Amino acid sequence: MKKKGLVWAMLLMMVWVTACGNSGGAASDDPNADDTVTVWTYPVHGTYEDELKDLISDFNKEHPNITVKTEMLSWAEGPKNSMSL
């Protein structure tokens, strides 16, 4: 159970960091507008991707106007992507 809580906390933190990293576009005043958040993450353990899909599904039930896309990075390419921000 602790592992699931850790994964959930990591997902929320990544969503928060990604959402705060606005690319300068104007925010929509329409409360029904869809927003897309891309989460860069790493293969933490063998079933991580399946657990992440379940967590995103739970998140989307509570936040239907937010679309969460994931990009699974290798440990080698991850630092390269974060440096391009």
PDB file of N, CA and C in Angstrom:
ATOM      1  N   MET A   1       0.820  -1.191   0.000  1.00  0.00           N
ATOM      2  CA  MET A   1       0.000   0.000   0.000  1.00  0.00           C
ATOM      3  C   MET A   1       0.864   1.255   0.000  1.00  0.00           C
ATOM      4  N   LYS A   2       2.012   1.210   0.679  1.00  0.00           N
ATOM      5  CA  LYS A   2       2.886   2.371   0.700  1.00  0.00           C
ATOM      6  C   LYS A   2       3.407   2.679  -0.702  1.00  0.00           C
ATOM      7  N   LYS A   3       3.666   1.625  -1.481  1.00  0.00           N
ATOM      8  CA  LYS A   3       4.174   1.816  -2.835  1.00  0.00           C
ATOM      9  C   LYS A   3       3.151   2.553  -3.689  1.00  0.00           C
ATOM     10  N   LYS A   4       1.884   2.193  -3.549  1.00  0.00           N
ATOM     11  CA  LYS A   4       0.838   2.852  -4.326  1.00  0.00           C
ATOM     12  C   LYS A   4       0.715   4.317  -3.909  1.00  0.00           C
ATOM     13  N   GLY A   5       0.830   4.586  -2.632  1.00  0.00           N
ATOM     14  CA  GLY A   5       0.789   5.967  -2.155  1.00  0.00           C
ATOM     15  C   GLY A   5       1.950   6.785  -2.685  1.00  0.00           C
ATOM     16  N   LEU A   6       3.127   6.167  -2.753  1.00  0.00           N
ATOM     17  CA  LEU A   6       4.305   6.842  -3.290  1.00  0.00           C
ATOM     18  C   LEU A   6       4.120   7.141  -4.768  1.00  0.00           C
ATOM     19  N   VAL A   7       3.600   6.182  -5.511  1.00  0.00           N
ATOM     20  CA  VAL A   7       3.363   6.384  -6.939  1.00  0.00           C
ATOM     21  C   VAL A   7       2.326   7.483  -7.132  1.00  0.00           C
ATOM     22  N   TRP A   8       1.273   7.482  -6.337  1.00  0.00           N
ATOM     23  CA  TRP A   8       0.231   8.505  -6.436  1.00  0.00           C
ATOM     24  C   TRP A   8       0.821   9.885  -6.145  1.00  0.00           C
ATOM     25  N   ALA A   9       1.653   9.979  -5.112  1.00  0.00           N
ATOM     26  CA  ALA A   9       2.288  11.256  -4.775  1.00  0.00           C
ATOM     27  C   ALA A   9       3.204  11.720  -5.906  1.00  0.00           C
ATOM     28  N   MET A  10       3.931  10.792  -6.502  1.00  0.00           N
ATOM     29  CA  MET A  10       4.812  11.146  -7.623  1.00  0.00           C
ATOM     30  C   MET A  10       3.994  11.653  -8.808  1.00  0.00           C
ATOM     31  N   LEU A  11       2.884  10.986  -9.100  1.00  0.00           N
ATOM     32  CA  LEU A  11       2.029  11.408 -10.209  1.00  0.00           C
ATOM     33  C   LEU A  11       1.491  12.812  -9.973  1.00  0.00           C
ATOM     34  N   LEU A  12       0.977  13.059  -8.776  1.00  0.00           N
ATOM     35  CA  LEU A  12       0.433  14.381  -8.480  1.00  0.00           C
ATOM     36  C   LEU A  12       1.512  15.454  -8.549  1.00  0.00           C
ATOM     37  N   MET A  13       2.701  15.126  -8.061  1.00  0.00           N
ATOM     38  CA  MET A  13       3.795  16.081  -8.115  1.00  0.00           C
ATOM     39  C   MET A  13       4.171  16.376  -9.573  1.00  0.00           C
ATOM     40  N   MET A  14       4.221  15.346 -10.409  1.00  0.00           N
ATOM     41  CA  MET A  14       4.565  15.551 -11.814  1.00  0.00           C
ATOM     42  C   MET A  14       3.491  16.366 -12.517  1.00  0.00           C
ATOM     43  N   VAL A  15       2.233  16.088 -12.205  1.00  0.00           N
ATOM     44  CA  VAL A  15       1.150  16.861 -12.812  1.00  0.00           C
ATOM     45  C   VAL A  15       1.250  18.316 -12.365  1.00  0.00           C
ATOM     46  N   TRP A  16       1.512  18.540 -11.097  1.00  0.00           N
ATOM     47  CA  TRP A  16       1.635  19.895 -10.574  1.00  0.00           C
ATOM     48  C   TRP A  16       2.800  20.629 -11.228  1.00  0.00           C
ATOM     49  N   VAL A  17       3.957  19.989 -11.319  1.00  0.00           N
ATOM     50  CA  VAL A  17       5.126  20.616 -11.934  1.00  0.00           C
ATOM     51  C   VAL A  17       4.865  20.910 -13.399  1.00  0.00           C
ATOM     52  N   THR A  18       4.262  19.968 -14.088  1.00  0.00           N
ATOM     53  CA  THR A  18       3.971  20.167 -15.499  1.00  0.00           C
ATOM     54  C   THR A  18       2.946  21.276 -15.687  1.00  0.00           C
ATOM     55  N   ALA A  19       1.936  21.312 -14.858  1.00  0.00           N
ATOM     56  CA  ALA A  19       0.900  22.347 -14.980  1.00  0.00           C
ATOM     57  C   ALA A  19       1.456  23.719 -14.664  1.00  0.00           C
ATOM     58  N   CYS A  20       2.388  23.794 -13.736  1.00  0.00           N
ATOM     59  CA  CYS A  20       2.984  25.084 -13.385  1.00  0.00           C
ATOM     60  C   CYS A  20       3.979  25.550 -14.438  1.00  0.00           C
ATOM     61  N   GLY A  21       4.433  24.658 -15.255  1.00  0.00           N
ATOM     62  CA  GLY A  21       5.383  25.015 -16.304  1.00  0.00           C
ATOM     63  C   GLY A  21       4.671  25.486 -17.549  1.00  0.00           C
ATOM     64  N   ASN A  22       3.749  26.425 -17.409  1.00  0.00           N
ATOM     65  CA  ASN A  22       2.967  26.942 -18.524  1.00  0.00           C
ATOM     66  C   ASN A  22       3.899  27.509 -19.580  1.00  0.00           C
ATOM     67  N   SER A  23       3.636  27.198 -20.831  1.00  0.00           N
ATOM     68  CA  SER A  23       4.504  27.639 -21.916  1.00  0.00           C
ATOM     69  C   SER A  23       4.196  29.056 -22.370  1.00  0.00           C
ATOM     70  N   GLY A  24       3.449  29.791 -21.590  1.00  0.00           N
ATOM     71  CA  GLY A  24       3.183  31.180 -21.927  1.00  0.00           C
ATOM     72  C   GLY A  24       1.853  31.383 -22.622  1.00  0.00           C
ATOM     73  N   GLY A  25       1.142  30.307 -22.909  1.00  0.00           N
ATOM     74  CA  GLY A  25      -0.160  30.432 -23.555  1.00  0.00           C
ATOM     75  C   GLY A  25      -1.173  30.997 -22.579  1.00  0.00           C
ATOM     76  N   ALA A  26      -2.182  31.656 -23.118  1.00  0.00           N
ATOM     77  CA  ALA A  26      -3.217  32.229 -22.271  1.00  0.00           C
ATOM     78  C   ALA A  26      -4.104  31.121 -21.711  1.00  0.00           C
ATOM     79  N   ALA A  27      -4.417  31.222 -20.466  1.00  0.00           N
ATOM     80  CA  ALA A  27      -5.306  30.244 -19.843  1.00  0.00           C
ATOM     81  C   ALA A  27      -6.730  30.521 -20.292  1.00  0.00           C
ATOM     82  N   SER A  28      -7.471  29.484 -20.462  1.00  0.00           N
ATOM     83  CA  SER A  28      -8.857  29.621 -20.887  1.00  0.00           C
ATOM     84  C   SER A  28      -9.730  29.988 -19.702  1.00  0.00           C
ATOM     85  N   ASP A  29     -10.677  30.903 -19.926  1.00  0.00           N
ATOM     86  CA  ASP A  29     -11.637  31.256 -18.887  1.00  0.00           C
ATOM     87  C   ASP A  29     -12.828  30.312 -18.886  1.00  0.00           C
ATOM     88  N   ASP A  30     -12.894  29.447 -19.890  1.00  0.00           N
ATOM     89  CA  ASP A  30     -14.001  28.508 -20.020  1.00  0.00           C
ATOM     90  C   ASP A  30     -13.789  27.336 -19.071  1.00  0.00           C
ATOM     91  N   PRO A  31     -14.637  27.173 -18.057  1.00  0.00           N
ATOM     92  CA  PRO A  31     -14.448  26.071 -17.103  1.00  0.00           C
ATOM     93  C   PRO A  31     -14.645  24.700 -17.747  1.00  0.00           C
ATOM     94  N   ASN A  32     -15.255  24.652 -18.936  1.00  0.00           N
ATOM     95  CA  ASN A  32     -15.469  23.376 -19.613  1.00  0.00           C
ATOM     96  C   ASN A  32     -14.371  23.056 -20.624  1.00  0.00           C
ATOM     97  N   ALA A  33     -13.378  23.934 -20.727  1.00  0.00           N
ATOM     98  CA  ALA A  33     -12.291  23.715 -21.676  1.00  0.00           C
ATOM     99  C   ALA A  33     -11.415  22.552 -21.208  1.00  0.00           C
ATOM    100  N   ASP A  34     -10.963  21.766 -22.156  1.00  0.00           N
ATOM    101  CA  ASP A  34     -10.069  20.659 -21.829  1.00  0.00           C
ATOM    102  C   ASP A  34      -8.630  21.153 -21.762  1.00  0.00           C
ATOM    103  N   ASP A  35      -7.894  20.682 -20.780  1.00  0.00           N
ATOM    104  CA  ASP A  35      -6.472  20.966 -20.638  1.00  0.00           C
ATOM    105  C   ASP A  35      -5.728  19.652 -20.738  1.00  0.00           C
ATOM    106  N   THR A  36      -4.569  19.698 -21.356  1.00  0.00           N
ATOM    107  CA  THR A  36      -3.741  18.507 -21.484  1.00  0.00           C
ATOM    108  C   THR A  36      -2.446  18.727 -20.729  1.00  0.00           C
ATOM    109  N   VAL A  37      -2.085  17.744 -19.918  1.00  0.00           N
ATOM    110  CA  VAL A  37      -0.850  17.765 -19.156  1.00  0.00           C
ATOM    111  C   VAL A  37      -0.028  16.563 -19.600  1.00  0.00           C
ATOM    112  N   THR A  38       1.227  16.811 -19.955  1.00  0.00           N
ATOM    113  CA  THR A  38       2.123  15.722 -20.315  1.00  0.00           C
ATOM    114  C   THR A  38       3.062  15.455 -19.151  1.00  0.00           C
ATOM    115  N   VAL A  39       3.099  14.211 -18.713  1.00  0.00           N
ATOM    116  CA  VAL A  39       3.931  13.807 -17.583  1.00  0.00           C
ATOM    117  C   VAL A  39       5.094  12.989 -18.113  1.00  0.00           C
ATOM    118  N   TRP A  40       6.306  13.467 -17.857  1.00  0.00           N
ATOM    119  CA  TRP A  40       7.504  12.692 -18.173  1.00  0.00           C
ATOM    120  C   TRP A  40       7.818  11.866 -16.935  1.00  0.00           C
ATOM    121  N   THR A  41       8.000  10.587 -17.130  1.00  0.00           N
ATOM    122  CA  THR A  41       8.293   9.721 -15.993  1.00  0.00           C
ATOM    123  C   THR A  41       9.262   8.627 -16.410  1.00  0.00           C
ATOM    124  N   TYR A  42       9.726   7.894 -15.453  1.00  0.00           N
ATOM    125  CA  TYR A  42      10.721   6.845 -15.658  1.00  0.00           C
ATOM    126  C   TYR A  42      10.137   5.476 -15.300  1.00  0.00           C
ATOM    127  N   PRO A  43      10.697   4.417 -15.842  1.00  0.00           N
ATOM    128  CA  PRO A  43      10.252   3.068 -15.464  1.00  0.00           C
ATOM    129  C   PRO A  43      10.758   2.728 -14.067  1.00  0.00           C
ATOM    130  N   VAL A  44       9.950   3.003 -13.063  1.00  0.00           N
ATOM    131  CA  VAL A  44      10.358   2.869 -11.673  1.00  0.00           C
ATOM    132  C   VAL A  44      10.504   1.409 -11.256  1.00  0.00           C
ATOM    133  N   HIS A  45       9.533   0.574 -11.639  1.00  0.00           N
ATOM    134  CA  HIS A  45       9.595  -0.861 -11.334  1.00  0.00           C
ATOM    135  C   HIS A  45       8.771  -1.600 -12.369  1.00  0.00           C
ATOM    136  N   GLY A  46       8.743  -2.895 -12.316  1.00  0.00           N
ATOM    137  CA  GLY A  46       8.140  -3.735 -13.342  1.00  0.00           C
ATOM    138  C   GLY A  46       6.691  -3.454 -13.690  1.00  0.00           C
ATOM    139  N   THR A  47       5.857  -3.142 -12.717  1.00  0.00           N
ATOM    140  CA  THR A  47       4.436  -2.914 -12.985  1.00  0.00           C
ATOM    141  C   THR A  47       4.063  -1.437 -12.897  1.00  0.00           C
ATOM    142  N   TYR A  48       5.049  -0.576 -12.928  1.00  0.00           N
ATOM    143  CA  TYR A  48       4.826   0.863 -12.762  1.00  0.00           C
ATOM    144  C   TYR A  48       3.881   1.431 -13.818  1.00  0.00           C
ATOM    145  N   GLU A  49       4.079   1.061 -15.082  1.00  0.00           N
ATOM    146  CA  GLU A  49       3.237   1.616 -16.150  1.00  0.00           C
ATOM    147  C   GLU A  49       1.771   1.241 -15.953  1.00  0.00           C
ATOM    148  N   ASP A  50       1.507   0.010 -15.553  1.00  0.00           N
ATOM    149  CA  ASP A  50       0.126  -0.411 -15.294  1.00  0.00           C
ATOM    150  C   ASP A  50      -0.468   0.357 -14.114  1.00  0.00           C
ATOM    151  N   GLU A  51       0.309   0.528 -13.051  1.00  0.00           N
ATOM    152  CA  GLU A  51      -0.163   1.272 -11.886  1.00  0.00           C
ATOM    153  C   GLU A  51      -0.406   2.733 -12.256  1.00  0.00           C
ATOM    154  N   LEU A  52       0.466   3.287 -13.088  1.00  0.00           N
ATOM    155  CA  LEU A  52       0.322   4.673 -13.515  1.00  0.00           C
ATOM    156  C   LEU A  52      -0.965   4.863 -14.317  1.00  0.00           C
ATOM    157  N   LYS A  53      -1.278   3.910 -15.186  1.00  0.00           N
ATOM    158  CA  LYS A  53      -2.529   3.982 -15.960  1.00  0.00           C
ATOM    159  C   LYS A  53      -3.735   3.970 -15.026  1.00  0.00           C
ATOM    160  N   ASP A  54      -3.696   3.137 -13.996  1.00  0.00           N
ATOM    161  CA  ASP A  54      -4.795   3.086 -13.023  1.00  0.00           C
ATOM    162  C   ASP A  54      -4.924   4.411 -12.267  1.00  0.00           C
ATOM    163  N   LEU A  55      -3.782   4.983 -11.879  1.00  0.00           N
ATOM    164  CA  LEU A  55      -3.798   6.247 -11.158  1.00  0.00           C
ATOM    165  C   LEU A  55      -4.334   7.380 -12.029  1.00  0.00           C
ATOM    166  N   ILE A  56      -3.938   7.389 -13.291  1.00  0.00           N
ATOM    167  CA  ILE A  56      -4.422   8.418 -14.205  1.00  0.00           C
ATOM    168  C   ILE A  56      -5.923   8.254 -14.432  1.00  0.00           C
ATOM    169  N   SER A  57      -6.372   7.025 -14.522  1.00  0.00           N
ATOM    170  CA  SER A  57      -7.803   6.763 -14.673  1.00  0.00           C
ATOM    171  C   SER A  57      -8.576   7.311 -13.474  1.00  0.00           C
ATOM    172  N   ASP A  58      -8.075   7.063 -12.266  1.00  0.00           N
ATOM    173  CA  ASP A  58      -8.706   7.595 -11.054  1.00  0.00           C
ATOM    174  C   ASP A  58      -8.688   9.116 -11.055  1.00  0.00           C
ATOM    175  N   PHE A  59      -7.559   9.704 -11.469  1.00  0.00           N
ATOM    176  CA  PHE A  59      -7.429  11.158 -11.535  1.00  0.00           C
ATOM    177  C   PHE A  59      -8.444  11.738 -12.513  1.00  0.00           C
ATOM    178  N   ASN A  60      -8.607  11.088 -13.675  1.00  0.00           N
ATOM    179  CA  ASN A  60      -9.527  11.585 -14.698  1.00  0.00           C
ATOM    180  C   ASN A  60     -10.985  11.504 -14.259  1.00  0.00           C
ATOM    181  N   LYS A  61     -11.307  10.580 -13.372  1.00  0.00           N
ATOM    182  CA  LYS A  61     -12.677  10.512 -12.849  1.00  0.00           C
ATOM    183  C   LYS A  61     -13.001  11.760 -12.025  1.00  0.00           C
ATOM    184  N   GLU A  62     -12.021  12.251 -11.290  1.00  0.00           N
ATOM    185  CA  GLU A  62     -12.215  13.441 -10.470  1.00  0.00           C
ATOM    186  C   GLU A  62     -12.021  14.737 -11.263  1.00  0.00           C
ATOM    187  N   HIS A  63     -11.225  14.672 -12.336  1.00  0.00           N
ATOM    188  CA  HIS A  63     -10.889  15.853 -13.133  1.00  0.00           C
ATOM    189  C   HIS A  63     -11.099  15.537 -14.612  1.00  0.00           C
ATOM    190  N   PRO A  64     -12.357  15.453 -15.056  1.00  0.00           N
ATOM    191  CA  PRO A  64     -12.632  15.020 -16.428  1.00  0.00           C
ATOM    192  C   PRO A  64     -12.165  16.000 -17.504  1.00  0.00           C
ATOM    193  N   ASN A  65     -11.910  17.255 -17.136  1.00  0.00           N
ATOM    194  CA  ASN A  65     -11.473  18.234 -18.131  1.00  0.00           C
ATOM    195  C   ASN A  65      -9.966  18.299 -18.281  1.00  0.00           C
ATOM    196  N   ILE A  66      -9.247  17.437 -17.578  1.00  0.00           N
ATOM    197  CA  ILE A  66      -7.791  17.404 -17.693  1.00  0.00           C
ATOM    198  C   ILE A  66      -7.390  16.085 -18.331  1.00  0.00           C
ATOM    199  N   THR A  67      -6.700  16.175 -19.454  1.00  0.00           N
ATOM    200  CA  THR A  67      -6.187  14.994 -20.128  1.00  0.00           C
ATOM    201  C   THR A  67      -4.733  14.818 -19.717  1.00  0.00           C
ATOM    202  N   VAL A  68      -4.383  13.644 -19.232  1.00  0.00           N
ATOM    203  CA  VAL A  68      -3.016  13.365 -18.815  1.00  0.00           C
ATOM    204  C   VAL A  68      -2.377  12.433 -19.835  1.00  0.00           C
ATOM    205  N   LYS A  69      -1.322  12.915 -20.473  1.00  0.00           N
ATOM    206  CA  LYS A  69      -0.538  12.086 -21.383  1.00  0.00           C
ATOM    207  C   LYS A  69       0.762  11.753 -20.667  1.00  0.00           C
ATOM    208  N   THR A  70       1.264  10.555 -20.888  1.00  0.00           N
ATOM    209  CA  THR A  70       2.528  10.183 -20.269  1.00  0.00           C
ATOM    210  C   THR A  70       3.564   9.877 -21.336  1.00  0.00           C
ATOM    211  N   GLU A  71       4.786  10.217 -21.034  1.00  0.00           N
ATOM    212  CA  GLU A  71       5.926   9.849 -21.860  1.00  0.00           C
ATOM    213  C   GLU A  71       6.914   9.135 -20.952  1.00  0.00           C
ATOM    214  N   MET A  72       7.096   7.844 -21.201  1.00  0.00           N
ATOM    215  CA  MET A  72       8.012   7.055 -20.403  1.00  0.00           C
ATOM    216  C   MET A  72       9.421   7.286 -20.951  1.00  0.00           C
ATOM    217  N   LEU A  73      10.282   7.851 -20.127  1.00  0.00           N
ATOM    218  CA  LEU A  73      11.646   8.163 -20.529  1.00  0.00           C
ATOM    219  C   LEU A  73      12.599   7.096 -20.026  1.00  0.00           C
ATOM    220  N   SER A  74      13.665   6.903 -20.753  1.00  0.00           N
ATOM    221  CA  SER A  74      14.719   6.039 -20.225  1.00  0.00           C
ATOM    222  C   SER A  74      15.541   6.876 -19.247  1.00  0.00           C
ATOM    223  N   TRP A  75      16.293   6.220 -18.412  1.00  0.00           N
ATOM    224  CA  TRP A  75      17.110   6.944 -17.443  1.00  0.00           C
ATOM    225  C   TRP A  75      18.175   7.771 -18.150  1.00  0.00           C
ATOM    226  N   ALA A  76      18.569   7.376 -19.348  1.00  0.00           N
ATOM    227  CA  ALA A  76      19.589   8.121 -20.099  1.00  0.00           C
ATOM    228  C   ALA A  76      19.011   9.370 -20.763  1.00  0.00           C
ATOM    229  N   GLU A  77      17.804   9.272 -21.322  1.00  0.00           N
ATOM    230  CA  GLU A  77      17.249  10.401 -22.063  1.00  0.00           C
ATOM    231  C   GLU A  77      16.525  11.414 -21.186  1.00  0.00           C
ATOM    232  N   GLY A  78      16.113  11.025 -20.002  1.00  0.00           N
ATOM    233  CA  GLY A  78      15.366  11.923 -19.122  1.00  0.00           C
ATOM    234  C   GLY A  78      16.073  13.234 -18.831  1.00  0.00           C
ATOM    235  N   PRO A  79      17.329  13.205 -18.389  1.00  0.00           N
ATOM    236  CA  PRO A  79      18.016  14.470 -18.119  1.00  0.00           C
ATOM    237  C   PRO A  79      18.158  15.349 -19.371  1.00  0.00           C
ATOM    238  N   LYS A  80      18.270  14.737 -20.530  1.00  0.00           N
ATOM    239  CA  LYS A  80      18.379  15.511 -21.766  1.00  0.00           C
ATOM    240  C   LYS A  80      17.086  16.281 -22.024  1.00  0.00           C
ATOM    241  N   ASN A  81      15.937  15.655 -21.801  1.00  0.00           N
ATOM    242  CA  ASN A  81      14.653  16.319 -22.010  1.00  0.00           C
ATOM    243  C   ASN A  81      14.463  17.460 -21.012  1.00  0.00           C
ATOM    244  N   SER A  82      14.811  17.240 -19.764  1.00  0.00           N
ATOM    245  CA  SER A  82      14.592  18.287 -18.762  1.00  0.00           C
ATOM    246  C   SER A  82      15.521  19.473 -18.994  1.00  0.00           C
ATOM    247  N   MET A  83      16.648  19.245 -19.630  1.00  0.00           N
ATOM    248  CA  MET A  83      17.573  20.341 -19.914  1.00  0.00           C
ATOM    249  C   MET A  83      17.049  21.222 -21.036  1.00  0.00           C
ATOM    250  N   SER A  84      16.151  20.690 -21.871  1.00  0.00           N
ATOM    251  CA  SER A  84      15.627  21.468 -22.999  1.00  0.00           C
ATOM    252  C   SER A  84      14.473  22.366 -22.597  1.00  0.00           C
ATOM    253  N   LEU A  85      14.061  22.317 -21.337  1.00  0.00           N
ATOM    254  CA  LEU A  85      12.952  23.181 -20.885  1.00  0.00           C
ATOM    255  C   LEU A  85      13.410  24.556 -20.862  1.00  0.00           C
TER     256      LEU A  85
END
